[in-house]
Amino acid sequence: MNKIKEQLRLKMLGQLSDEKTELDVDNAYSVVRDVAVSFSVFCVENYHTEFETWTRDSLPKGKIQSKKSYGLLDIEEVFKIFENEK
């Protein structure tokens, strides 16, 4: 079973009628999948994800480097930026 769908199902358990649970889980999974792919594309377009551009050292775990400012940012910080983009 898909890990994401299983987590969604567990979170929604008891909140939905049995008949609608599968449909709601599938709909929620579709949203999660679309956001994950969009966030990945956003990161590739705007950030360096493997090496610092000047030193070629590996980036610290959980950090990515802005292509504009070259500053290191926490991945959760970047997700907040992504969420607020229009």
C-alpha atoms as a PDB file:
ATOM      1  CA  MET A   1       0.000   0.000   0.000  1.00  0.00           C
ATOM      2  CA  ASN A   2       1.118   3.547  -0.721  1.00  0.00           C
ATOM      3  CA  LYS A   3       2.690   5.106   2.428  1.00  0.00           C
ATOM      4  CA  ILE A   4       1.110   8.499   1.854  1.00  0.00           C
ATOM      5  CA  LYS A   5      -2.367   7.075   1.318  1.00  0.00           C
ATOM      6  CA  GLU A   6      -2.018   4.965   4.466  1.00  0.00           C
ATOM      7  CA  GLN A   7      -1.055   8.032   6.519  1.00  0.00           C
ATOM      8  CA  LEU A   8      -3.974   9.992   5.080  1.00  0.00           C
ATOM      9  CA  ARG A   9      -6.357   7.132   5.818  1.00  0.00           C
ATOM     10  CA  LEU A  10      -5.156   6.953   9.448  1.00  0.00           C
ATOM     11  CA  LYS A  11      -5.480  10.725   9.901  1.00  0.00           C
ATOM     12  CA  MET A  12      -9.010  10.723   8.458  1.00  0.00           C
ATOM     13  CA  LEU A  13     -10.184   7.619  10.301  1.00  0.00           C
ATOM     14  CA  GLY A  14     -13.408   8.281  12.154  1.00  0.00           C
ATOM     15  CA  GLN A  15     -13.933  11.639  10.483  1.00  0.00           C
ATOM     16  CA  LEU A  16     -15.495  10.289   7.317  1.00  0.00           C
ATOM     17  CA  SER A  17     -18.162   7.788   6.463  1.00  0.00           C
ATOM     18  CA  ASP A  18     -16.781   4.420   5.315  1.00  0.00           C
ATOM     19  CA  GLU A  19     -18.257   4.867   1.832  1.00  0.00           C
ATOM     20  CA  LYS A  20     -16.454   8.144   1.262  1.00  0.00           C
ATOM     21  CA  THR A  21     -13.129   7.353   2.919  1.00  0.00           C
ATOM     22  CA  GLU A  22     -11.471   5.836  -0.190  1.00  0.00           C
ATOM     23  CA  LEU A  23     -12.643   8.667  -2.439  1.00  0.00           C
ATOM     24  CA  ASP A  24     -11.505  11.313   0.053  1.00  0.00           C
ATOM     25  CA  VAL A  25      -8.145   9.589   0.560  1.00  0.00           C
ATOM     26  CA  ASP A  26      -7.649   9.407  -3.214  1.00  0.00           C
ATOM     27  CA  ASN A  27      -8.548  13.094  -3.597  1.00  0.00           C
ATOM     28  CA  ALA A  28      -6.217  14.123  -0.753  1.00  0.00           C
ATOM     29  CA  TYR A  29      -3.426  11.966  -2.207  1.00  0.00           C
ATOM     30  CA  SER A  30      -3.857  13.652  -5.581  1.00  0.00           C
ATOM     31  CA  VAL A  31      -3.349  17.052  -3.935  1.00  0.00           C
ATOM     32  CA  VAL A  32      -0.299  15.824  -1.985  1.00  0.00           C
ATOM     33  CA  ARG A  33       1.258  14.359  -5.136  1.00  0.00           C
ATOM     34  CA  ASP A  34       0.686  17.544  -7.137  1.00  0.00           C
ATOM     35  CA  VAL A  35       2.187  19.734  -4.395  1.00  0.00           C
ATOM     36  CA  ALA A  36       5.216  17.439  -3.999  1.00  0.00           C
ATOM     37  CA  VAL A  37       5.967  17.548  -7.721  1.00  0.00           C
ATOM     38  CA  SER A  38       5.413  21.319  -7.910  1.00  0.00           C
ATOM     39  CA  PHE A  39       7.691  21.879  -4.904  1.00  0.00           C
ATOM     40  CA  SER A  40      10.404  19.732  -6.472  1.00  0.00           C
ATOM     41  CA  VAL A  41      10.238  21.754  -9.703  1.00  0.00           C
ATOM     42  CA  PHE A  42      10.279  25.009  -7.690  1.00  0.00           C
ATOM     43  CA  CYS A  43      13.426  23.863  -5.864  1.00  0.00           C
ATOM     44  CA  VAL A  44      15.218  22.832  -9.062  1.00  0.00           C
ATOM     45  CA  GLU A  45      14.404  26.164 -10.719  1.00  0.00           C
ATOM     46  CA  ASN A  46      15.381  28.384  -7.765  1.00  0.00           C
ATOM     47  CA  TYR A  47      17.882  26.539  -5.581  1.00  0.00           C
ATOM     48  CA  HIS A  48      21.043  24.477  -5.659  1.00  0.00           C
ATOM     49  CA  THR A  49      20.266  21.245  -3.825  1.00  0.00           C
ATOM     50  CA  GLU A  50      23.515  19.268  -3.760  1.00  0.00           C
ATOM     51  CA  PHE A  51      26.639  21.431  -3.634  1.00  0.00           C
ATOM     52  CA  GLU A  52      27.531  24.951  -2.580  1.00  0.00           C
ATOM     53  CA  THR A  53      28.314  26.851  -5.747  1.00  0.00           C
ATOM     54  CA  TRP A  54      31.626  28.352  -4.615  1.00  0.00           C
ATOM     55  CA  THR A  55      33.198  25.556  -2.590  1.00  0.00           C
ATOM     56  CA  ARG A  56      31.625  22.510  -4.277  1.00  0.00           C
ATOM     57  CA  ASP A  57      31.202  21.092  -0.751  1.00  0.00           C
ATOM     58  CA  SER A  58      28.069  19.095  -0.108  1.00  0.00           C
ATOM     59  CA  LEU A  59      25.264  21.152   1.373  1.00  0.00           C
ATOM     60  CA  PRO A  60      24.401  20.410   5.001  1.00  0.00           C
ATOM     61  CA  LYS A  61      21.481  18.005   5.390  1.00  0.00           C
ATOM     62  CA  GLY A  62      18.156  19.847   5.236  1.00  0.00           C
ATOM     63  CA  LYS A  63      19.665  22.963   3.614  1.00  0.00           C
ATOM     64  CA  ILE A  64      19.530  24.268   0.059  1.00  0.00           C
ATOM     65  CA  GLN A  65      21.244  27.259  -1.535  1.00  0.00           C
ATOM     66  CA  SER A  66      19.438  30.114  -3.237  1.00  0.00           C
ATOM     67  CA  LYS A  67      20.450  30.649  -6.862  1.00  0.00           C
ATOM     68  CA  LYS A  68      19.839  34.406  -6.428  1.00  0.00           C
ATOM     69  CA  SER A  69      21.453  35.255  -3.080  1.00  0.00           C
ATOM     70  CA  TYR A  70      23.602  32.126  -2.638  1.00  0.00           C
ATOM     71  CA  GLY A  71      22.426  32.020   0.978  1.00  0.00           C
ATOM     72  CA  LEU A  72      21.724  28.686   2.651  1.00  0.00           C
ATOM     73  CA  LEU A  73      18.110  28.112   3.655  1.00  0.00           C
ATOM     74  CA  ASP A  74      16.359  25.423   5.636  1.00  0.00           C
ATOM     75  CA  ILE A  75      14.108  23.270   3.438  1.00  0.00           C
ATOM     76  CA  GLU A  76      11.081  24.079   5.650  1.00  0.00           C
ATOM     77  CA  GLU A  77      11.763  27.793   5.156  1.00  0.00           C
ATOM     78  CA  VAL A  78      11.817  27.250   1.394  1.00  0.00           C
ATOM     79  CA  PHE A  79       8.526  25.336   1.575  1.00  0.00           C
ATOM     80  CA  LYS A  80       6.940  28.361   3.300  1.00  0.00           C
ATOM     81  CA  ILE A  81       8.226  30.549   0.450  1.00  0.00           C
ATOM     82  CA  PHE A  82       6.759  28.068  -2.056  1.00  0.00           C
ATOM     83  CA  GLU A  83       3.392  28.028  -0.276  1.00  0.00           C
ATOM     84  CA  ASN A  84       3.109  31.807  -0.463  1.00  0.00           C
ATOM     85  CA  GLU A  85       4.120  32.119  -4.147  1.00  0.00           C
ATOM     86  CA  LYS A  86       1.388  33.143  -6.565  1.00  0.00           C
END
